Each structure stands twice: as C-alpha cells, then as structure tokens.
Amino acid sequence: VTVPPKYLYHGTGQKYVESINRLGL
C-alpha cells in the first residue's frame, strides 16, 4: 500500500468520456 501524490492521471479514448462521467473509473 502506497500513499499517492495529490494528483494522478488516467488516459483514455474520447469515446469513453460519457461512460466515465457517469460511472467513474
């Protein structure tokens, strides 16, 4: 178990934005 930095990032395709905005990652 590791303490993360303040922010991390997730790269994906534009086609998944609607689903992610609804369900999260």
PDBML (XML) file of the C-alpha atoms, coordinates in Angstrom:
<?xml version="1.0" encoding="UTF-8" ?>
<PDBx:datablock datablockName="MODEL"
   xmlns:PDBx="http://pdbml.pdb.org/schema/pdbx-v50.xsd"
   xmlns:xsi="http://www.w3.org/2001/XMLSchema-instance"
   xsi:schemaLocation="http://pdbml.pdb.org/schema/pdbx-v50.xsd pdbx-v50.xsd">
   <PDBx:atom_siteCategory>
      <PDBx:atom_site id="1">
         <PDBx:B_iso_or_equiv>0.00</PDBx:B_iso_or_equiv>
         <PDBx:Cartn_x>0.000</PDBx:Cartn_x>
         <PDBx:Cartn_y>0.000</PDBx:Cartn_y>
         <PDBx:Cartn_z>0.000</PDBx:Cartn_z>
         <PDBx:auth_asym_id>A</PDBx:auth_asym_id>
         <PDBx:auth_atom_id>CA</PDBx:auth_atom_id>
         <PDBx:auth_comp_id>VAL</PDBx:auth_comp_id>
         <PDBx:auth_seq_id>1</PDBx:auth_seq_id>
         <PDBx:group_PDB>ATOM</PDBx:group_PDB>
         <PDBx:label_alt_id xsi:nil="true" />
         <PDBx:label_asym_id>A</PDBx:label_asym_id>
         <PDBx:label_atom_id>CA</PDBx:label_atom_id>
         <PDBx:label_comp_id>VAL</PDBx:label_comp_id>
         <PDBx:label_entity_id>1</PDBx:label_entity_id>
         <PDBx:label_seq_id>1</PDBx:label_seq_id>
         <PDBx:occupancy>1.00</PDBx:occupancy>
         <PDBx:pdbx_PDB_model_num>1</PDBx:pdbx_PDB_model_num>
         <PDBx:type_symbol>C</PDBx:type_symbol>
      </PDBx:atom_site>
      <PDBx:atom_site id="2">
         <PDBx:B_iso_or_equiv>0.00</PDBx:B_iso_or_equiv>
         <PDBx:Cartn_x>1.479</PDBx:Cartn_x>
         <PDBx:Cartn_y>3.349</PDBx:Cartn_y>
         <PDBx:Cartn_z>-1.053</PDBx:Cartn_z>
         <PDBx:auth_asym_id>A</PDBx:auth_asym_id>
         <PDBx:auth_atom_id>CA</PDBx:auth_atom_id>
         <PDBx:auth_comp_id>THR</PDBx:auth_comp_id>
         <PDBx:auth_seq_id>2</PDBx:auth_seq_id>
         <PDBx:group_PDB>ATOM</PDBx:group_PDB>
         <PDBx:label_alt_id xsi:nil="true" />
         <PDBx:label_asym_id>A</PDBx:label_asym_id>
         <PDBx:label_atom_id>CA</PDBx:label_atom_id>
         <PDBx:label_comp_id>THR</PDBx:label_comp_id>
         <PDBx:label_entity_id>1</PDBx:label_entity_id>
         <PDBx:label_seq_id>2</PDBx:label_seq_id>
         <PDBx:occupancy>1.00</PDBx:occupancy>
         <PDBx:pdbx_PDB_model_num>1</PDBx:pdbx_PDB_model_num>
         <PDBx:type_symbol>C</PDBx:type_symbol>
      </PDBx:atom_site>
      <PDBx:atom_site id="3">
         <PDBx:B_iso_or_equiv>0.00</PDBx:B_iso_or_equiv>
         <PDBx:Cartn_x>0.425</PDBx:Cartn_x>
         <PDBx:Cartn_y>6.917</PDBx:Cartn_y>
         <PDBx:Cartn_z>-0.302</PDBx:Cartn_z>
         <PDBx:auth_asym_id>A</PDBx:auth_asym_id>
         <PDBx:auth_atom_id>CA</PDBx:auth_atom_id>
         <PDBx:auth_comp_id>VAL</PDBx:auth_comp_id>
         <PDBx:auth_seq_id>3</PDBx:auth_seq_id>
         <PDBx:group_PDB>ATOM</PDBx:group_PDB>
         <PDBx:label_alt_id xsi:nil="true" />
         <PDBx:label_asym_id>A</PDBx:label_asym_id>
         <PDBx:label_atom_id>CA</PDBx:label_atom_id>
         <PDBx:label_comp_id>VAL</PDBx:label_comp_id>
         <PDBx:label_entity_id>1</PDBx:label_entity_id>
         <PDBx:label_seq_id>3</PDBx:label_seq_id>
         <PDBx:occupancy>1.00</PDBx:occupancy>
         <PDBx:pdbx_PDB_model_num>1</PDBx:pdbx_PDB_model_num>
         <PDBx:type_symbol>C</PDBx:type_symbol>
      </PDBx:atom_site>
      <PDBx:atom_site id="4">
         <PDBx:B_iso_or_equiv>0.00</PDBx:B_iso_or_equiv>
         <PDBx:Cartn_x>-0.229</PDBx:Cartn_x>
         <PDBx:Cartn_y>8.569</PDBx:Cartn_y>
         <PDBx:Cartn_z>-3.674</PDBx:Cartn_z>
         <PDBx:auth_asym_id>A</PDBx:auth_asym_id>
         <PDBx:auth_atom_id>CA</PDBx:auth_atom_id>
         <PDBx:auth_comp_id>PRO</PDBx:auth_comp_id>
         <PDBx:auth_seq_id>4</PDBx:auth_seq_id>
         <PDBx:group_PDB>ATOM</PDBx:group_PDB>
         <PDBx:label_alt_id xsi:nil="true" />
         <PDBx:label_asym_id>A</PDBx:label_asym_id>
         <PDBx:label_atom_id>CA</PDBx:label_atom_id>
         <PDBx:label_comp_id>PRO</PDBx:label_comp_id>
         <PDBx:label_entity_id>1</PDBx:label_entity_id>
         <PDBx:label_seq_id>4</PDBx:label_seq_id>
         <PDBx:occupancy>1.00</PDBx:occupancy>
         <PDBx:pdbx_PDB_model_num>1</PDBx:pdbx_PDB_model_num>
         <PDBx:type_symbol>C</PDBx:type_symbol>
      </PDBx:atom_site>
      <PDBx:atom_site id="5">
         <PDBx:B_iso_or_equiv>0.00</PDBx:B_iso_or_equiv>
         <PDBx:Cartn_x>0.670</PDBx:Cartn_x>
         <PDBx:Cartn_y>12.100</PDBx:Cartn_y>
         <PDBx:Cartn_z>-4.699</PDBx:Cartn_z>
         <PDBx:auth_asym_id>A</PDBx:auth_asym_id>
         <PDBx:auth_atom_id>CA</PDBx:auth_atom_id>
         <PDBx:auth_comp_id>PRO</PDBx:auth_comp_id>
         <PDBx:auth_seq_id>5</PDBx:auth_seq_id>
         <PDBx:group_PDB>ATOM</PDBx:group_PDB>
         <PDBx:label_alt_id xsi:nil="true" />
         <PDBx:label_asym_id>A</PDBx:label_asym_id>
         <PDBx:label_atom_id>CA</PDBx:label_atom_id>
         <PDBx:label_comp_id>PRO</PDBx:label_comp_id>
         <PDBx:label_entity_id>1</PDBx:label_entity_id>
         <PDBx:label_seq_id>5</PDBx:label_seq_id>
         <PDBx:occupancy>1.00</PDBx:occupancy>
         <PDBx:pdbx_PDB_model_num>1</PDBx:pdbx_PDB_model_num>
         <PDBx:type_symbol>C</PDBx:type_symbol>
      </PDBx:atom_site>
      <PDBx:atom_site id="6">
         <PDBx:B_iso_or_equiv>0.00</PDBx:B_iso_or_equiv>
         <PDBx:Cartn_x>-2.061</PDBx:Cartn_x>
         <PDBx:Cartn_y>14.766</PDBx:Cartn_y>
         <PDBx:Cartn_z>-4.563</PDBx:Cartn_z>
         <PDBx:auth_asym_id>A</PDBx:auth_asym_id>
         <PDBx:auth_atom_id>CA</PDBx:auth_atom_id>
         <PDBx:auth_comp_id>LYS</PDBx:auth_comp_id>
         <PDBx:auth_seq_id>6</PDBx:auth_seq_id>
         <PDBx:group_PDB>ATOM</PDBx:group_PDB>
         <PDBx:label_alt_id xsi:nil="true" />
         <PDBx:label_asym_id>A</PDBx:label_asym_id>
         <PDBx:label_atom_id>CA</PDBx:label_atom_id>
         <PDBx:label_comp_id>LYS</PDBx:label_comp_id>
         <PDBx:label_entity_id>1</PDBx:label_entity_id>
         <PDBx:label_seq_id>6</PDBx:label_seq_id>
         <PDBx:occupancy>1.00</PDBx:occupancy>
         <PDBx:pdbx_PDB_model_num>1</PDBx:pdbx_PDB_model_num>
         <PDBx:type_symbol>C</PDBx:type_symbol>
      </PDBx:atom_site>
      <PDBx:atom_site id="7">
         <PDBx:B_iso_or_equiv>0.00</PDBx:B_iso_or_equiv>
         <PDBx:Cartn_x>-2.994</PDBx:Cartn_x>
         <PDBx:Cartn_y>14.065</PDBx:Cartn_y>
         <PDBx:Cartn_z>-8.196</PDBx:Cartn_z>
         <PDBx:auth_asym_id>A</PDBx:auth_asym_id>
         <PDBx:auth_atom_id>CA</PDBx:auth_atom_id>
         <PDBx:auth_comp_id>TYR</PDBx:auth_comp_id>
         <PDBx:auth_seq_id>7</PDBx:auth_seq_id>
         <PDBx:group_PDB>ATOM</PDBx:group_PDB>
         <PDBx:label_alt_id xsi:nil="true" />
         <PDBx:label_asym_id>A</PDBx:label_asym_id>
         <PDBx:label_atom_id>CA</PDBx:label_atom_id>
         <PDBx:label_comp_id>TYR</PDBx:label_comp_id>
         <PDBx:label_entity_id>1</PDBx:label_entity_id>
         <PDBx:label_seq_id>7</PDBx:label_seq_id>
         <PDBx:occupancy>1.00</PDBx:occupancy>
         <PDBx:pdbx_PDB_model_num>1</PDBx:pdbx_PDB_model_num>
         <PDBx:type_symbol>C</PDBx:type_symbol>
      </PDBx:atom_site>
      <PDBx:atom_site id="8">
         <PDBx:B_iso_or_equiv>0.00</PDBx:B_iso_or_equiv>
         <PDBx:Cartn_x>-2.661</PDBx:Cartn_x>
         <PDBx:Cartn_y>11.124</PDBx:Cartn_y>
         <PDBx:Cartn_z>-10.554</PDBx:Cartn_z>
         <PDBx:auth_asym_id>A</PDBx:auth_asym_id>
         <PDBx:auth_atom_id>CA</PDBx:auth_atom_id>
         <PDBx:auth_comp_id>LEU</PDBx:auth_comp_id>
         <PDBx:auth_seq_id>8</PDBx:auth_seq_id>
         <PDBx:group_PDB>ATOM</PDBx:group_PDB>
         <PDBx:label_alt_id xsi:nil="true" />
         <PDBx:label_asym_id>A</PDBx:label_asym_id>
         <PDBx:label_atom_id>CA</PDBx:label_atom_id>
         <PDBx:label_comp_id>LEU</PDBx:label_comp_id>
         <PDBx:label_entity_id>1</PDBx:label_entity_id>
         <PDBx:label_seq_id>8</PDBx:label_seq_id>
         <PDBx:occupancy>1.00</PDBx:occupancy>
         <PDBx:pdbx_PDB_model_num>1</PDBx:pdbx_PDB_model_num>
         <PDBx:type_symbol>C</PDBx:type_symbol>
      </PDBx:atom_site>
      <PDBx:atom_site id="9">
         <PDBx:B_iso_or_equiv>0.00</PDBx:B_iso_or_equiv>
         <PDBx:Cartn_x>-3.834</PDBx:Cartn_x>
         <PDBx:Cartn_y>10.881</PDBx:Cartn_y>
         <PDBx:Cartn_z>-14.172</PDBx:Cartn_z>
         <PDBx:auth_asym_id>A</PDBx:auth_asym_id>
         <PDBx:auth_atom_id>CA</PDBx:auth_atom_id>
         <PDBx:auth_comp_id>TYR</PDBx:auth_comp_id>
         <PDBx:auth_seq_id>9</PDBx:auth_seq_id>
         <PDBx:group_PDB>ATOM</PDBx:group_PDB>
         <PDBx:label_alt_id xsi:nil="true" />
         <PDBx:label_asym_id>A</PDBx:label_asym_id>
         <PDBx:label_atom_id>CA</PDBx:label_atom_id>
         <PDBx:label_comp_id>TYR</PDBx:label_comp_id>
         <PDBx:label_entity_id>1</PDBx:label_entity_id>
         <PDBx:label_seq_id>9</PDBx:label_seq_id>
         <PDBx:occupancy>1.00</PDBx:occupancy>
         <PDBx:pdbx_PDB_model_num>1</PDBx:pdbx_PDB_model_num>
         <PDBx:type_symbol>C</PDBx:type_symbol>
      </PDBx:atom_site>
      <PDBx:atom_site id="10">
         <PDBx:B_iso_or_equiv>0.00</PDBx:B_iso_or_equiv>
         <PDBx:Cartn_x>-5.826</PDBx:Cartn_x>
         <PDBx:Cartn_y>8.484</PDBx:Cartn_y>
         <PDBx:Cartn_z>-16.302</PDBx:Cartn_z>
         <PDBx:auth_asym_id>A</PDBx:auth_asym_id>
         <PDBx:auth_atom_id>CA</PDBx:auth_atom_id>
         <PDBx:auth_comp_id>HIS</PDBx:auth_comp_id>
         <PDBx:auth_seq_id>10</PDBx:auth_seq_id>
         <PDBx:group_PDB>ATOM</PDBx:group_PDB>
         <PDBx:label_alt_id xsi:nil="true" />
         <PDBx:label_asym_id>A</PDBx:label_asym_id>
         <PDBx:label_atom_id>CA</PDBx:label_atom_id>
         <PDBx:label_comp_id>HIS</PDBx:label_comp_id>
         <PDBx:label_entity_id>1</PDBx:label_entity_id>
         <PDBx:label_seq_id>10</PDBx:label_seq_id>
         <PDBx:occupancy>1.00</PDBx:occupancy>
         <PDBx:pdbx_PDB_model_num>1</PDBx:pdbx_PDB_model_num>
         <PDBx:type_symbol>C</PDBx:type_symbol>
      </PDBx:atom_site>
      <PDBx:atom_site id="11">
         <PDBx:B_iso_or_equiv>0.00</PDBx:B_iso_or_equiv>
         <PDBx:Cartn_x>-5.547</PDBx:Cartn_x>
         <PDBx:Cartn_y>8.469</PDBx:Cartn_y>
         <PDBx:Cartn_z>-20.081</PDBx:Cartn_z>
         <PDBx:auth_asym_id>A</PDBx:auth_asym_id>
         <PDBx:auth_atom_id>CA</PDBx:auth_atom_id>
         <PDBx:auth_comp_id>GLY</PDBx:auth_comp_id>
         <PDBx:auth_seq_id>11</PDBx:auth_seq_id>
         <PDBx:group_PDB>ATOM</PDBx:group_PDB>
         <PDBx:label_alt_id xsi:nil="true" />
         <PDBx:label_asym_id>A</PDBx:label_asym_id>
         <PDBx:label_atom_id>CA</PDBx:label_atom_id>
         <PDBx:label_comp_id>GLY</PDBx:label_comp_id>
         <PDBx:label_entity_id>1</PDBx:label_entity_id>
         <PDBx:label_seq_id>11</PDBx:label_seq_id>
         <PDBx:occupancy>1.00</PDBx:occupancy>
         <PDBx:pdbx_PDB_model_num>1</PDBx:pdbx_PDB_model_num>
         <PDBx:type_symbol>C</PDBx:type_symbol>
      </PDBx:atom_site>
      <PDBx:atom_site id="12">
         <PDBx:B_iso_or_equiv>0.00</PDBx:B_iso_or_equiv>
         <PDBx:Cartn_x>-8.309</PDBx:Cartn_x>
         <PDBx:Cartn_y>7.004</PDBx:Cartn_y>
         <PDBx:Cartn_z>-22.198</PDBx:Cartn_z>
         <PDBx:auth_asym_id>A</PDBx:auth_asym_id>
         <PDBx:auth_atom_id>CA</PDBx:auth_atom_id>
         <PDBx:auth_comp_id>THR</PDBx:auth_comp_id>
         <PDBx:auth_seq_id>12</PDBx:auth_seq_id>
         <PDBx:group_PDB>ATOM</PDBx:group_PDB>
         <PDBx:label_alt_id xsi:nil="true" />
         <PDBx:label_asym_id>A</PDBx:label_asym_id>
         <PDBx:label_atom_id>CA</PDBx:label_atom_id>
         <PDBx:label_comp_id>THR</PDBx:label_comp_id>
         <PDBx:label_entity_id>1</PDBx:label_entity_id>
         <PDBx:label_seq_id>12</PDBx:label_seq_id>
         <PDBx:occupancy>1.00</PDBx:occupancy>
         <PDBx:pdbx_PDB_model_num>1</PDBx:pdbx_PDB_model_num>
         <PDBx:type_symbol>C</PDBx:type_symbol>
      </PDBx:atom_site>
      <PDBx:atom_site id="13">
         <PDBx:B_iso_or_equiv>0.00</PDBx:B_iso_or_equiv>
         <PDBx:Cartn_x>-10.095</PDBx:Cartn_x>
         <PDBx:Cartn_y>7.485</PDBx:Cartn_y>
         <PDBx:Cartn_z>-25.506</PDBx:Cartn_z>
         <PDBx:auth_asym_id>A</PDBx:auth_asym_id>
         <PDBx:auth_atom_id>CA</PDBx:auth_atom_id>
         <PDBx:auth_comp_id>GLY</PDBx:auth_comp_id>
         <PDBx:auth_seq_id>13</PDBx:auth_seq_id>
         <PDBx:group_PDB>ATOM</PDBx:group_PDB>
         <PDBx:label_alt_id xsi:nil="true" />
         <PDBx:label_asym_id>A</PDBx:label_asym_id>
         <PDBx:label_atom_id>CA</PDBx:label_atom_id>
         <PDBx:label_comp_id>GLY</PDBx:label_comp_id>
         <PDBx:label_entity_id>1</PDBx:label_entity_id>
         <PDBx:label_seq_id>13</PDBx:label_seq_id>
         <PDBx:occupancy>1.00</PDBx:occupancy>
         <PDBx:pdbx_PDB_model_num>1</PDBx:pdbx_PDB_model_num>
         <PDBx:type_symbol>C</PDBx:type_symbol>
      </PDBx:atom_site>
      <PDBx:atom_site id="14">
         <PDBx:B_iso_or_equiv>0.00</PDBx:B_iso_or_equiv>
         <PDBx:Cartn_x>-12.645</PDBx:Cartn_x>
         <PDBx:Cartn_y>10.230</PDBx:Cartn_y>
         <PDBx:Cartn_z>-26.174</PDBx:Cartn_z>
         <PDBx:auth_asym_id>A</PDBx:auth_asym_id>
         <PDBx:auth_atom_id>CA</PDBx:auth_atom_id>
         <PDBx:auth_comp_id>GLN</PDBx:auth_comp_id>
         <PDBx:auth_seq_id>14</PDBx:auth_seq_id>
         <PDBx:group_PDB>ATOM</PDBx:group_PDB>
         <PDBx:label_alt_id xsi:nil="true" />
         <PDBx:label_asym_id>A</PDBx:label_asym_id>
         <PDBx:label_atom_id>CA</PDBx:label_atom_id>
         <PDBx:label_comp_id>GLN</PDBx:label_comp_id>
         <PDBx:label_entity_id>1</PDBx:label_entity_id>
         <PDBx:label_seq_id>14</PDBx:label_seq_id>
         <PDBx:occupancy>1.00</PDBx:occupancy>
         <PDBx:pdbx_PDB_model_num>1</PDBx:pdbx_PDB_model_num>
         <PDBx:type_symbol>C</PDBx:type_symbol>
      </PDBx:atom_site>
      <PDBx:atom_site id="15">
         <PDBx:B_iso_or_equiv>0.00</PDBx:B_iso_or_equiv>
         <PDBx:Cartn_x>-15.236</PDBx:Cartn_x>
         <PDBx:Cartn_y>7.514</PDBx:Cartn_y>
         <PDBx:Cartn_z>-26.869</PDBx:Cartn_z>
         <PDBx:auth_asym_id>A</PDBx:auth_asym_id>
         <PDBx:auth_atom_id>CA</PDBx:auth_atom_id>
         <PDBx:auth_comp_id>LYS</PDBx:auth_comp_id>
         <PDBx:auth_seq_id>15</PDBx:auth_seq_id>
         <PDBx:group_PDB>ATOM</PDBx:group_PDB>
         <PDBx:label_alt_id xsi:nil="true" />
         <PDBx:label_asym_id>A</PDBx:label_asym_id>
         <PDBx:label_atom_id>CA</PDBx:label_atom_id>
         <PDBx:label_comp_id>LYS</PDBx:label_comp_id>
         <PDBx:label_entity_id>1</PDBx:label_entity_id>
         <PDBx:label_seq_id>15</PDBx:label_seq_id>
         <PDBx:occupancy>1.00</PDBx:occupancy>
         <PDBx:pdbx_PDB_model_num>1</PDBx:pdbx_PDB_model_num>
         <PDBx:type_symbol>C</PDBx:type_symbol>
      </PDBx:atom_site>
      <PDBx:atom_site id="16">
         <PDBx:B_iso_or_equiv>0.00</PDBx:B_iso_or_equiv>
         <PDBx:Cartn_x>-15.250</PDBx:Cartn_x>
         <PDBx:Cartn_y>6.554</PDBx:Cartn_y>
         <PDBx:Cartn_z>-23.154</PDBx:Cartn_z>
         <PDBx:auth_asym_id>A</PDBx:auth_asym_id>
         <PDBx:auth_atom_id>CA</PDBx:auth_atom_id>
         <PDBx:auth_comp_id>TYR</PDBx:auth_comp_id>
         <PDBx:auth_seq_id>16</PDBx:auth_seq_id>
         <PDBx:group_PDB>ATOM</PDBx:group_PDB>
         <PDBx:label_alt_id xsi:nil="true" />
         <PDBx:label_asym_id>A</PDBx:label_asym_id>
         <PDBx:label_atom_id>CA</PDBx:label_atom_id>
         <PDBx:label_comp_id>TYR</PDBx:label_comp_id>
         <PDBx:label_entity_id>1</PDBx:label_entity_id>
         <PDBx:label_seq_id>16</PDBx:label_seq_id>
         <PDBx:occupancy>1.00</PDBx:occupancy>
         <PDBx:pdbx_PDB_model_num>1</PDBx:pdbx_PDB_model_num>
         <PDBx:type_symbol>C</PDBx:type_symbol>
      </PDBx:atom_site>
      <PDBx:atom_site id="17">
         <PDBx:B_iso_or_equiv>0.00</PDBx:B_iso_or_equiv>
         <PDBx:Cartn_x>-15.848</PDBx:Cartn_x>
         <PDBx:Cartn_y>10.046</PDBx:Cartn_y>
         <PDBx:Cartn_z>-21.699</PDBx:Cartn_z>
         <PDBx:auth_asym_id>A</PDBx:auth_asym_id>
         <PDBx:auth_atom_id>CA</PDBx:auth_atom_id>
         <PDBx:auth_comp_id>VAL</PDBx:auth_comp_id>
         <PDBx:auth_seq_id>17</PDBx:auth_seq_id>
         <PDBx:group_PDB>ATOM</PDBx:group_PDB>
         <PDBx:label_alt_id xsi:nil="true" />
         <PDBx:label_asym_id>A</PDBx:label_asym_id>
         <PDBx:label_atom_id>CA</PDBx:label_atom_id>
         <PDBx:label_comp_id>VAL</PDBx:label_comp_id>
         <PDBx:label_entity_id>1</PDBx:label_entity_id>
         <PDBx:label_seq_id>17</PDBx:label_seq_id>
         <PDBx:occupancy>1.00</PDBx:occupancy>
         <PDBx:pdbx_PDB_model_num>1</PDBx:pdbx_PDB_model_num>
         <PDBx:type_symbol>C</PDBx:type_symbol>
      </PDBx:atom_site>
      <PDBx:atom_site id="18">
         <PDBx:B_iso_or_equiv>0.00</PDBx:B_iso_or_equiv>
         <PDBx:Cartn_x>-19.638</PDBx:Cartn_x>
         <PDBx:Cartn_y>9.741</PDBx:Cartn_y>
         <PDBx:Cartn_z>-21.422</PDBx:Cartn_z>
         <PDBx:auth_asym_id>A</PDBx:auth_asym_id>
         <PDBx:auth_atom_id>CA</PDBx:auth_atom_id>
         <PDBx:auth_comp_id>GLU</PDBx:auth_comp_id>
         <PDBx:auth_seq_id>18</PDBx:auth_seq_id>
         <PDBx:group_PDB>ATOM</PDBx:group_PDB>
         <PDBx:label_alt_id xsi:nil="true" />
         <PDBx:label_asym_id>A</PDBx:label_asym_id>
         <PDBx:label_atom_id>CA</PDBx:label_atom_id>
         <PDBx:label_comp_id>GLU</PDBx:label_comp_id>
         <PDBx:label_entity_id>1</PDBx:label_entity_id>
         <PDBx:label_seq_id>18</PDBx:label_seq_id>
         <PDBx:occupancy>1.00</PDBx:occupancy>
         <PDBx:pdbx_PDB_model_num>1</PDBx:pdbx_PDB_model_num>
         <PDBx:type_symbol>C</PDBx:type_symbol>
      </PDBx:atom_site>
      <PDBx:atom_site id="19">
         <PDBx:B_iso_or_equiv>0.00</PDBx:B_iso_or_equiv>
         <PDBx:Cartn_x>-19.397</PDBx:Cartn_x>
         <PDBx:Cartn_y>6.422</PDBx:Cartn_y>
         <PDBx:Cartn_z>-19.576</PDBx:Cartn_z>
         <PDBx:auth_asym_id>A</PDBx:auth_asym_id>
         <PDBx:auth_atom_id>CA</PDBx:auth_atom_id>
         <PDBx:auth_comp_id>SER</PDBx:auth_comp_id>
         <PDBx:auth_seq_id>19</PDBx:auth_seq_id>
         <PDBx:group_PDB>ATOM</PDBx:group_PDB>
         <PDBx:label_alt_id xsi:nil="true" />
         <PDBx:label_asym_id>A</PDBx:label_asym_id>
         <PDBx:label_atom_id>CA</PDBx:label_atom_id>
         <PDBx:label_comp_id>SER</PDBx:label_comp_id>
         <PDBx:label_entity_id>1</PDBx:label_entity_id>
         <PDBx:label_seq_id>19</PDBx:label_seq_id>
         <PDBx:occupancy>1.00</PDBx:occupancy>
         <PDBx:pdbx_PDB_model_num>1</PDBx:pdbx_PDB_model_num>
         <PDBx:type_symbol>C</PDBx:type_symbol>
      </PDBx:atom_site>
      <PDBx:atom_site id="20">
         <PDBx:B_iso_or_equiv>0.00</PDBx:B_iso_or_equiv>
         <PDBx:Cartn_x>-16.614</PDBx:Cartn_x>
         <PDBx:Cartn_y>7.640</PDBx:Cartn_y>
         <PDBx:Cartn_z>-17.249</PDBx:Cartn_z>
         <PDBx:auth_asym_id>A</PDBx:auth_asym_id>
         <PDBx:auth_atom_id>CA</PDBx:auth_atom_id>
         <PDBx:auth_comp_id>ILE</PDBx:auth_comp_id>
         <PDBx:auth_seq_id>20</PDBx:auth_seq_id>
         <PDBx:group_PDB>ATOM</PDBx:group_PDB>
         <PDBx:label_alt_id xsi:nil="true" />
         <PDBx:label_asym_id>A</PDBx:label_asym_id>
         <PDBx:label_atom_id>CA</PDBx:label_atom_id>
         <PDBx:label_comp_id>ILE</PDBx:label_comp_id>
         <PDBx:label_entity_id>1</PDBx:label_entity_id>
         <PDBx:label_seq_id>20</PDBx:label_seq_id>
         <PDBx:occupancy>1.00</PDBx:occupancy>
         <PDBx:pdbx_PDB_model_num>1</PDBx:pdbx_PDB_model_num>
         <PDBx:type_symbol>C</PDBx:type_symbol>
      </PDBx:atom_site>
      <PDBx:atom_site id="21">
         <PDBx:B_iso_or_equiv>0.00</PDBx:B_iso_or_equiv>
         <PDBx:Cartn_x>-18.504</PDBx:Cartn_x>
         <PDBx:Cartn_y>10.835</PDBx:Cartn_y>
         <PDBx:Cartn_z>-16.469</PDBx:Cartn_z>
         <PDBx:auth_asym_id>A</PDBx:auth_asym_id>
         <PDBx:auth_atom_id>CA</PDBx:auth_atom_id>
         <PDBx:auth_comp_id>ASN</PDBx:auth_comp_id>
         <PDBx:auth_seq_id>21</PDBx:auth_seq_id>
         <PDBx:group_PDB>ATOM</PDBx:group_PDB>
         <PDBx:label_alt_id xsi:nil="true" />
         <PDBx:label_asym_id>A</PDBx:label_asym_id>
         <PDBx:label_atom_id>CA</PDBx:label_atom_id>
         <PDBx:label_comp_id>ASN</PDBx:label_comp_id>
         <PDBx:label_entity_id>1</PDBx:label_entity_id>
         <PDBx:label_seq_id>21</PDBx:label_seq_id>
         <PDBx:occupancy>1.00</PDBx:occupancy>
         <PDBx:pdbx_PDB_model_num>1</PDBx:pdbx_PDB_model_num>
         <PDBx:type_symbol>C</PDBx:type_symbol>
      </PDBx:atom_site>
      <PDBx:atom_site id="22">
         <PDBx:B_iso_or_equiv>0.00</PDBx:B_iso_or_equiv>
         <PDBx:Cartn_x>-21.451</PDBx:Cartn_x>
         <PDBx:Cartn_y>8.667</PDBx:Cartn_y>
         <PDBx:Cartn_z>-15.440</PDBx:Cartn_z>
         <PDBx:auth_asym_id>A</PDBx:auth_asym_id>
         <PDBx:auth_atom_id>CA</PDBx:auth_atom_id>
         <PDBx:auth_comp_id>ARG</PDBx:auth_comp_id>
         <PDBx:auth_seq_id>22</PDBx:auth_seq_id>
         <PDBx:group_PDB>ATOM</PDBx:group_PDB>
         <PDBx:label_alt_id xsi:nil="true" />
         <PDBx:label_asym_id>A</PDBx:label_asym_id>
         <PDBx:label_atom_id>CA</PDBx:label_atom_id>
         <PDBx:label_comp_id>ARG</PDBx:label_comp_id>
         <PDBx:label_entity_id>1</PDBx:label_entity_id>
         <PDBx:label_seq_id>22</PDBx:label_seq_id>
         <PDBx:occupancy>1.00</PDBx:occupancy>
         <PDBx:pdbx_PDB_model_num>1</PDBx:pdbx_PDB_model_num>
         <PDBx:type_symbol>C</PDBx:type_symbol>
      </PDBx:atom_site>
      <PDBx:atom_site id="23">
         <PDBx:B_iso_or_equiv>0.00</PDBx:B_iso_or_equiv>
         <PDBx:Cartn_x>-19.747</PDBx:Cartn_x>
         <PDBx:Cartn_y>5.706</PDBx:Cartn_y>
         <PDBx:Cartn_z>-13.713</PDBx:Cartn_z>
         <PDBx:auth_asym_id>A</PDBx:auth_asym_id>
         <PDBx:auth_atom_id>CA</PDBx:auth_atom_id>
         <PDBx:auth_comp_id>LEU</PDBx:auth_comp_id>
         <PDBx:auth_seq_id>23</PDBx:auth_seq_id>
         <PDBx:group_PDB>ATOM</PDBx:group_PDB>
         <PDBx:label_alt_id xsi:nil="true" />
         <PDBx:label_asym_id>A</PDBx:label_asym_id>
         <PDBx:label_atom_id>CA</PDBx:label_atom_id>
         <PDBx:label_comp_id>LEU</PDBx:label_comp_id>
         <PDBx:label_entity_id>1</PDBx:label_entity_id>
         <PDBx:label_seq_id>23</PDBx:label_seq_id>
         <PDBx:occupancy>1.00</PDBx:occupancy>
         <PDBx:pdbx_PDB_model_num>1</PDBx:pdbx_PDB_model_num>
         <PDBx:type_symbol>C</PDBx:type_symbol>
      </PDBx:atom_site>
      <PDBx:atom_site id="24">
         <PDBx:B_iso_or_equiv>0.00</PDBx:B_iso_or_equiv>
         <PDBx:Cartn_x>-16.293</PDBx:Cartn_x>
         <PDBx:Cartn_y>6.947</PDBx:Cartn_y>
         <PDBx:Cartn_z>-12.759</PDBx:Cartn_z>
         <PDBx:auth_asym_id>A</PDBx:auth_asym_id>
         <PDBx:auth_atom_id>CA</PDBx:auth_atom_id>
         <PDBx:auth_comp_id>GLY</PDBx:auth_comp_id>
         <PDBx:auth_seq_id>24</PDBx:auth_seq_id>
         <PDBx:group_PDB>ATOM</PDBx:group_PDB>
         <PDBx:label_alt_id xsi:nil="true" />
         <PDBx:label_asym_id>A</PDBx:label_asym_id>
         <PDBx:label_atom_id>CA</PDBx:label_atom_id>
         <PDBx:label_comp_id>GLY</PDBx:label_comp_id>
         <PDBx:label_entity_id>1</PDBx:label_entity_id>
         <PDBx:label_seq_id>24</PDBx:label_seq_id>
         <PDBx:occupancy>1.00</PDBx:occupancy>
         <PDBx:pdbx_PDB_model_num>1</PDBx:pdbx_PDB_model_num>
         <PDBx:type_symbol>C</PDBx:type_symbol>
      </PDBx:atom_site>
      <PDBx:atom_site id="25">
         <PDBx:B_iso_or_equiv>0.00</PDBx:B_iso_or_equiv>
         <PDBx:Cartn_x>-13.262</PDBx:Cartn_x>
         <PDBx:Cartn_y>4.794</PDBx:Cartn_y>
         <PDBx:Cartn_z>-13.494</PDBx:Cartn_z>
         <PDBx:auth_asym_id>A</PDBx:auth_asym_id>
         <PDBx:auth_atom_id>CA</PDBx:auth_atom_id>
         <PDBx:auth_comp_id>LEU</PDBx:auth_comp_id>
         <PDBx:auth_seq_id>25</PDBx:auth_seq_id>
         <PDBx:group_PDB>ATOM</PDBx:group_PDB>
         <PDBx:label_alt_id xsi:nil="true" />
         <PDBx:label_asym_id>A</PDBx:label_asym_id>
         <PDBx:label_atom_id>CA</PDBx:label_atom_id>
         <PDBx:label_comp_id>LEU</PDBx:label_comp_id>
         <PDBx:label_entity_id>1</PDBx:label_entity_id>
         <PDBx:label_seq_id>25</PDBx:label_seq_id>
         <PDBx:occupancy>1.00</PDBx:occupancy>
         <PDBx:pdbx_PDB_model_num>1</PDBx:pdbx_PDB_model_num>
         <PDBx:type_symbol>C</PDBx:type_symbol>
      </PDBx:atom_site>
   </PDBx:atom_siteCategory>
</PDBx:datablock>
